[in-house]
Each structure stands twice: as C-alpha cells, then as structure tokens.
Amino acid sequence: MSAPPGLAVLRRELEDAATHLGRPHDLRFRPMFGGLMAYLDEQPCAWLSADGLALKLAPADQPALLRLEGAARLVAKPGAAPSRHYYIVLPAALGRDTARLARWLAKSARR
C-alpha cells in the first residue's frame, strides 16, 4: 500500500533535514494508521499524516515551537482532544526550511 501523495512531500522534507544533520541513514519510516511513523536512531521522532508533520519533542522544547504561527498540538483522530504530550504539528513553511527543520529534528532526537 503506497502512502498518500502529501506524505511523500513531508517524508522528503524530513529526509532533507536528516541529511542536513549528516544522519540520513539513521532515519527510517514505517506505515502506520494511514500515515508514516518516522524513527531516528530507532526511536520515534515524527508522525507524518494528512494533517502534516508532527515532531515528538520533550516538554521543555514544546513551548518555543508552539509559539510559531501554524504550530499546534497533534489531534490523533477527528473529535479527539489535542495531544497533551509529545507531538507538535509543524507549520508548513518550517518543513520547507531545511536548516530550521533540522534544528528541530535534532531536538527530537535528543529528547
């Protein structure tokens, strides 16, 4: 089963960020619940879905990301409450800024 076309774009953006960090071979993807779970060093780091790219971040890193316009806590399914824990959906523009996305991916990797 192939991923929806939008997921391919998000995947490329995350792959570019991992490459920017010099870690392209440490990034893996697995299909899950209609989206893709991304793993860096075999640890979950991001969720790619029709809603966008959500990074898994430590609580201390979340407020800075949530201050960016367009960032929001992940809502796992329609009608559910926003995630109070780890996943923050990135603003679309951040995915197109490889250097900035790489800095956030690095934070995700060290949580």
Protein backbone atom coordinates (compact mmCIF):
# COMPACT_ATOMS: atom_id res chain seq x y z
CA MET A 1 0.00 0.00 0.00
CA SER A 2 1.52 3.33 -1.02
CA ALA A 3 1.38 6.47 1.10
CA PRO A 4 -0.84 9.40 0.05
CA PRO A 5 1.00 11.93 -2.18
CA GLY A 6 1.21 14.59 0.55
CA LEU A 7 3.10 12.18 2.78
CA ALA A 8 5.80 11.83 0.13
CA VAL A 9 6.46 15.58 0.33
CA LEU A 10 6.63 15.51 4.14
CA ARG A 11 8.92 12.50 4.00
CA ARG A 12 11.31 14.28 1.61
CA GLU A 13 11.38 17.34 3.88
CA LEU A 14 12.27 15.18 6.89
CA GLU A 15 14.86 13.26 4.86
CA ASP A 16 16.42 16.58 3.77
CA ALA A 17 16.60 17.67 7.43
CA ALA A 18 18.26 14.38 8.43
CA THR A 19 20.74 14.81 5.57
CA HIS A 20 21.45 18.37 6.76
CA LEU A 21 22.34 16.85 10.16
CA GLY A 22 24.59 14.30 8.46
CA ARG A 23 22.29 11.48 9.56
CA PRO A 24 20.29 10.34 6.51
CA HIS A 25 20.96 6.66 7.22
CA ASP A 26 19.65 6.96 10.79
CA LEU A 27 16.13 7.89 9.61
CA ARG A 28 13.53 5.18 8.96
CA PHE A 29 9.82 5.22 8.11
CA ARG A 30 7.07 2.70 8.78
CA PRO A 31 3.46 2.88 7.56
CA MET A 32 1.07 3.24 10.48
CA PHE A 33 -2.64 4.11 10.71
CA GLY A 34 -2.76 5.68 7.24
CA GLY A 35 0.35 7.79 7.85
CA LEU A 36 4.05 7.23 8.43
CA MET A 37 5.92 7.00 11.70
CA ALA A 38 9.49 8.27 11.41
CA TYR A 39 12.28 6.89 13.56
CA LEU A 40 15.70 8.40 14.15
CA ASP A 41 18.20 6.01 15.76
CA GLU A 42 15.29 3.53 16.03
CA GLN A 43 13.35 5.92 18.32
CA PRO A 44 10.06 7.52 17.18
CA CYS A 45 10.70 11.14 16.24
CA ALA A 46 7.85 12.22 13.95
CA TRP A 47 4.39 11.36 12.71
CA LEU A 48 3.51 12.20 9.09
CA SER A 49 -0.17 12.33 8.24
CA ALA A 50 -2.70 14.22 6.16
CA ASP A 51 -2.60 16.83 8.96
CA GLY A 52 1.11 17.48 8.39
CA LEU A 53 4.42 16.67 10.02
CA ALA A 54 4.36 16.37 13.81
CA LEU A 55 7.63 16.13 15.72
CA LYS A 56 7.96 14.32 19.02
CA LEU A 57 9.55 16.78 21.42
CA ALA A 58 10.46 16.90 25.09
CA PRO A 59 8.10 19.07 27.16
CA ALA A 60 10.81 21.72 27.61
CA ASP A 61 11.14 22.18 23.80
CA GLN A 62 7.42 22.36 23.02
CA PRO A 63 6.58 25.96 24.07
CA ALA A 64 9.08 27.51 21.63
CA LEU A 65 7.67 25.51 18.73
CA LEU A 66 4.07 26.22 19.75
CA ARG A 67 4.82 29.97 19.58
CA LEU A 68 5.37 29.68 15.82
CA GLU A 69 2.32 30.64 13.78
CA GLY A 70 0.64 27.50 12.46
CA ALA A 71 2.13 25.11 15.02
CA ALA A 72 -0.35 23.08 17.07
CA ARG A 73 -0.59 20.03 19.24
CA LEU A 74 -1.38 16.88 17.28
CA VAL A 75 -5.01 15.74 17.23
CA ALA A 76 -4.74 11.99 16.71
CA LYS A 77 -8.24 11.49 15.29
CA PRO A 78 -11.22 13.72 14.49
CA GLY A 79 -13.06 14.76 17.62
CA ALA A 80 -10.20 13.81 19.93
CA ALA A 81 -8.58 16.29 22.28
CA PRO A 82 -5.20 17.69 21.22
CA SER A 83 -2.22 15.68 22.43
CA ARG A 84 -1.03 16.96 25.78
CA HIS A 85 2.19 15.08 25.45
CA TYR A 86 4.84 14.85 22.79
CA TYR A 87 3.73 15.54 19.22
CA ILE A 88 3.57 19.06 17.78
CA VAL A 89 2.37 19.65 14.19
CA LEU A 90 4.79 21.97 12.42
CA PRO A 91 3.80 24.98 10.36
CA ALA A 92 4.04 24.00 6.67
CA ALA A 93 6.64 26.71 6.00
CA LEU A 94 9.01 25.16 8.54
CA GLY A 95 9.17 21.95 6.50
CA ARG A 96 10.45 23.93 3.53
CA ASP A 97 13.24 25.49 5.62
CA THR A 98 15.67 22.59 5.81
CA ALA A 99 18.13 24.18 8.24
CA ARG A 100 15.42 25.16 10.74
CA LEU A 101 13.65 21.81 10.43
CA ALA A 102 17.00 20.08 11.02
CA ARG A 103 17.45 22.00 14.29
CA TRP A 104 14.02 20.83 15.47
CA LEU A 105 14.73 17.27 14.33
CA ALA A 106 17.94 17.35 16.38
CA LYS A 107 15.90 18.39 19.44
CA SER A 108 13.53 15.50 18.78
CA ALA A 109 16.44 13.07 18.57
CA ARG A 110 17.85 14.07 21.95
CA ARG A 111 14.60 14.11 23.97
